[in-house]
Amino acid sequence: MKPTYPLKLTCKETAALMLAREDRALPLSERAALRLHLAICAACPRFERQLLTMRNAMAQWRAYVDTDDTDDKDER
């Protein structure tokens, strides 16, 4: 059985926490473990930036108003 270290996460666990952070507030211990991993890992911060880019793109898409559709409705 592998010993568990609360502040030592794998990249897979870190990715799961970053995704969970989108839906819920993380407890202090998980936030600390996440920050520690992001400070020492080269790949996970890139994944975090990709998540941020996707979240921002989805927010813009939700707020998007298609002007062509509104023009068609005005002519009817």
N, C-alpha and C. Protein backbone atom coordinates (compact mmCIF):
# COMPACT_ATOMS: atom_id res chain seq x y z
N MET A 1 0.84 -1.18 0.00
CA MET A 1 0.00 0.00 0.00
C MET A 1 0.88 1.25 0.00
N LYS A 2 0.57 2.16 -0.87
CA LYS A 2 1.35 3.39 -1.01
C LYS A 2 0.98 4.37 0.11
N PRO A 3 1.99 4.92 0.83
CA PRO A 3 1.66 5.91 1.86
C PRO A 3 1.13 7.18 1.23
N THR A 4 0.19 7.79 1.89
CA THR A 4 -0.38 9.03 1.36
C THR A 4 0.22 10.21 2.09
N TYR A 5 0.60 11.18 1.33
CA TYR A 5 1.13 12.43 1.86
C TYR A 5 0.15 13.51 1.46
N PRO A 6 -0.46 14.17 2.41
CA PRO A 6 -1.56 15.10 2.09
C PRO A 6 -1.16 16.26 1.19
N LEU A 7 0.11 16.66 1.22
CA LEU A 7 0.51 17.79 0.38
C LEU A 7 1.21 17.35 -0.90
N LYS A 8 1.34 16.07 -1.13
CA LYS A 8 2.00 15.58 -2.34
C LYS A 8 0.97 14.95 -3.27
N LEU A 9 0.67 15.65 -4.32
CA LEU A 9 -0.33 15.18 -5.28
C LEU A 9 0.34 14.70 -6.55
N THR A 10 -0.30 13.77 -7.24
CA THR A 10 0.12 13.41 -8.58
C THR A 10 -0.51 14.41 -9.56
N CYS A 11 -0.05 14.39 -10.78
CA CYS A 11 -0.63 15.28 -11.79
C CYS A 11 -2.11 14.93 -12.03
N LYS A 12 -2.44 13.65 -11.97
CA LYS A 12 -3.83 13.23 -12.16
C LYS A 12 -4.71 13.77 -11.04
N GLU A 13 -4.23 13.69 -9.79
CA GLU A 13 -4.98 14.22 -8.66
C GLU A 13 -5.11 15.74 -8.75
N THR A 14 -4.04 16.38 -9.21
CA THR A 14 -4.06 17.84 -9.36
C THR A 14 -5.08 18.25 -10.41
N ALA A 15 -5.11 17.56 -11.53
CA ALA A 15 -6.10 17.86 -12.57
C ALA A 15 -7.51 17.68 -12.04
N ALA A 16 -7.73 16.63 -11.26
CA ALA A 16 -9.06 16.40 -10.68
C ALA A 16 -9.44 17.54 -9.74
N LEU A 17 -8.49 18.03 -8.95
CA LEU A 17 -8.78 19.14 -8.04
C LEU A 17 -9.07 20.43 -8.82
N MET A 18 -8.33 20.67 -9.90
CA MET A 18 -8.58 21.87 -10.69
C MET A 18 -9.98 21.83 -11.30
N LEU A 19 -10.42 20.65 -11.72
CA LEU A 19 -11.76 20.52 -12.27
C LEU A 19 -12.81 20.65 -11.16
N ALA A 20 -12.54 20.07 -10.00
CA ALA A 20 -13.47 20.16 -8.88
C ALA A 20 -13.61 21.60 -8.41
N ARG A 21 -12.52 22.35 -8.50
CA ARG A 21 -12.52 23.76 -8.08
C ARG A 21 -13.51 24.59 -8.89
N GLU A 22 -13.85 24.14 -10.07
CA GLU A 22 -14.83 24.84 -10.90
C GLU A 22 -16.24 24.73 -10.31
N ASP A 23 -16.48 23.65 -9.56
CA ASP A 23 -17.82 23.37 -9.05
C ASP A 23 -18.01 23.62 -7.56
N ARG A 24 -16.92 23.61 -6.82
CA ARG A 24 -17.04 23.74 -5.37
C ARG A 24 -15.81 24.44 -4.81
N ALA A 25 -15.95 24.96 -3.61
CA ALA A 25 -14.82 25.56 -2.91
C ALA A 25 -13.97 24.43 -2.31
N LEU A 26 -12.68 24.52 -2.52
CA LEU A 26 -11.79 23.50 -1.98
C LEU A 26 -11.43 23.82 -0.54
N PRO A 27 -11.30 22.79 0.30
CA PRO A 27 -10.83 23.02 1.66
C PRO A 27 -9.38 23.51 1.64
N LEU A 28 -8.96 24.09 2.73
CA LEU A 28 -7.61 24.66 2.84
C LEU A 28 -6.53 23.64 2.51
N SER A 29 -6.67 22.42 2.99
CA SER A 29 -5.64 21.40 2.75
C SER A 29 -5.50 21.08 1.26
N GLU A 30 -6.63 21.01 0.55
CA GLU A 30 -6.57 20.74 -0.90
C GLU A 30 -6.01 21.94 -1.65
N ARG A 31 -6.39 23.15 -1.24
CA ARG A 31 -5.84 24.35 -1.89
C ARG A 31 -4.33 24.42 -1.70
N ALA A 32 -3.85 24.10 -0.51
CA ALA A 32 -2.41 24.14 -0.24
C ALA A 32 -1.68 23.08 -1.07
N ALA A 33 -2.22 21.88 -1.12
CA ALA A 33 -1.60 20.80 -1.91
C ALA A 33 -1.59 21.17 -3.39
N LEU A 34 -2.66 21.78 -3.86
CA LEU A 34 -2.75 22.20 -5.25
C LEU A 34 -1.71 23.27 -5.57
N ARG A 35 -1.60 24.27 -4.72
CA ARG A 35 -0.61 25.34 -4.94
C ARG A 35 0.81 24.80 -4.92
N LEU A 36 1.08 23.88 -4.00
CA LEU A 36 2.42 23.29 -3.91
C LEU A 36 2.74 22.53 -5.19
N HIS A 37 1.81 21.73 -5.66
CA HIS A 37 2.05 20.96 -6.88
C HIS A 37 2.24 21.90 -8.08
N LEU A 38 1.42 22.93 -8.18
CA LEU A 38 1.54 23.86 -9.31
C LEU A 38 2.88 24.60 -9.28
N ALA A 39 3.45 24.77 -8.09
CA ALA A 39 4.73 25.46 -7.98
C ALA A 39 5.91 24.59 -8.43
N ILE A 40 5.75 23.27 -8.36
CA ILE A 40 6.89 22.40 -8.69
C ILE A 40 6.72 21.63 -10.01
N CYS A 41 5.55 21.68 -10.60
CA CYS A 41 5.27 20.92 -11.82
C CYS A 41 5.31 21.83 -13.04
N ALA A 42 5.84 21.33 -14.14
CA ALA A 42 5.88 22.12 -15.37
C ALA A 42 4.60 21.99 -16.19
N ALA A 43 3.97 20.84 -16.16
CA ALA A 43 2.82 20.58 -17.02
C ALA A 43 1.50 21.10 -16.45
N CYS A 44 1.29 20.95 -15.18
CA CYS A 44 -0.01 21.28 -14.59
C CYS A 44 -0.39 22.76 -14.69
N PRO A 45 0.55 23.71 -14.55
CA PRO A 45 0.16 25.10 -14.76
C PRO A 45 -0.34 25.37 -16.19
N ARG A 46 0.21 24.64 -17.16
CA ARG A 46 -0.29 24.78 -18.54
C ARG A 46 -1.73 24.29 -18.63
N PHE A 47 -2.02 23.17 -17.98
CA PHE A 47 -3.40 22.66 -17.96
C PHE A 47 -4.32 23.65 -17.27
N GLU A 48 -3.85 24.27 -16.19
CA GLU A 48 -4.65 25.26 -15.49
C GLU A 48 -4.96 26.45 -16.40
N ARG A 49 -3.98 26.90 -17.18
CA ARG A 49 -4.22 28.00 -18.14
C ARG A 49 -5.20 27.58 -19.22
N GLN A 50 -5.13 26.33 -19.66
CA GLN A 50 -6.08 25.84 -20.65
C GLN A 50 -7.50 25.83 -20.09
N LEU A 51 -7.66 25.42 -18.84
CA LEU A 51 -8.98 25.45 -18.20
C LEU A 51 -9.50 26.87 -18.13
N LEU A 52 -8.64 27.81 -17.76
CA LEU A 52 -9.03 29.21 -17.68
C LEU A 52 -9.46 29.74 -19.05
N THR A 53 -8.72 29.38 -20.08
CA THR A 53 -9.06 29.80 -21.44
C THR A 53 -10.42 29.25 -21.85
N MET A 54 -10.67 27.97 -21.54
CA MET A 54 -11.97 27.37 -21.89
C MET A 54 -13.11 28.02 -21.10
N ARG A 55 -12.87 28.29 -19.81
CA ARG A 55 -13.91 28.93 -18.99
C ARG A 55 -14.24 30.31 -19.54
N ASN A 56 -13.22 31.09 -19.89
CA ASN A 56 -13.45 32.42 -20.44
C ASN A 56 -14.15 32.37 -21.79
N ALA A 57 -13.76 31.41 -22.63
CA ALA A 57 -14.41 31.27 -23.94
C ALA A 57 -15.88 30.90 -23.78
N MET A 58 -16.18 30.02 -22.83
CA MET A 58 -17.58 29.65 -22.61
C MET A 58 -18.39 30.82 -22.05
N ALA A 59 -17.78 31.62 -21.21
CA ALA A 59 -18.49 32.79 -20.67
C ALA A 59 -18.79 33.79 -21.79
N GLN A 60 -17.83 33.98 -22.69
CA GLN A 60 -18.06 34.88 -23.83
C GLN A 60 -19.13 34.31 -24.75
N TRP A 61 -19.12 33.00 -24.95
CA TRP A 61 -20.10 32.37 -25.83
C TRP A 61 -21.50 32.52 -25.25
N ARG A 62 -21.64 32.36 -23.91
CA ARG A 62 -22.94 32.51 -23.28
C ARG A 62 -23.45 33.94 -23.40
N ALA A 63 -22.54 34.91 -23.38
CA ALA A 63 -22.93 36.32 -23.44
C ALA A 63 -23.07 36.82 -24.87
N TYR A 64 -22.73 36.00 -25.84
CA TYR A 64 -22.74 36.41 -27.24
C TYR A 64 -24.17 36.59 -27.73
N VAL A 65 -24.41 37.68 -28.43
CA VAL A 65 -25.70 37.94 -29.06
C VAL A 65 -25.44 38.02 -30.56
N ASP A 66 -26.08 37.16 -31.30
CA ASP A 66 -25.90 37.13 -32.75
C ASP A 66 -26.69 38.27 -33.36
N THR A 67 -26.01 39.25 -33.91
CA THR A 67 -26.69 40.42 -34.47
C THR A 67 -27.45 40.07 -35.74
N ASP A 68 -27.03 39.05 -36.47
CA ASP A 68 -27.75 38.65 -37.68
C ASP A 68 -29.13 38.12 -37.33
N ASP A 69 -29.24 37.37 -36.23
CA ASP A 69 -30.54 36.83 -35.81
C ASP A 69 -31.47 37.95 -35.35
N THR A 70 -30.96 38.95 -34.67
CA THR A 70 -31.82 40.03 -34.19
C THR A 70 -32.30 40.89 -35.35
N ASP A 71 -31.47 41.04 -36.39
CA ASP A 71 -31.89 41.83 -37.55
C ASP A 71 -33.02 41.12 -38.29
N ASP A 72 -32.96 39.79 -38.40
CA ASP A 72 -34.02 39.03 -39.06
C ASP A 72 -35.34 39.15 -38.33
N LYS A 73 -35.30 39.18 -37.03
CA LYS A 73 -36.53 39.26 -36.25
C LYS A 73 -37.17 40.65 -36.37
N ASP A 74 -36.34 41.69 -36.50
CA ASP A 74 -36.86 43.04 -36.63
C ASP A 74 -37.58 43.26 -37.96
N GLU A 75 -37.18 42.54 -39.01
CA GLU A 75 -37.77 42.72 -40.32
C GLU A 75 -39.11 42.05 -40.44
N ARG A 76 -39.43 41.14 -39.58
CA ARG A 76 -40.70 40.40 -39.70
C ARG A 76 -41.84 41.18 -39.23
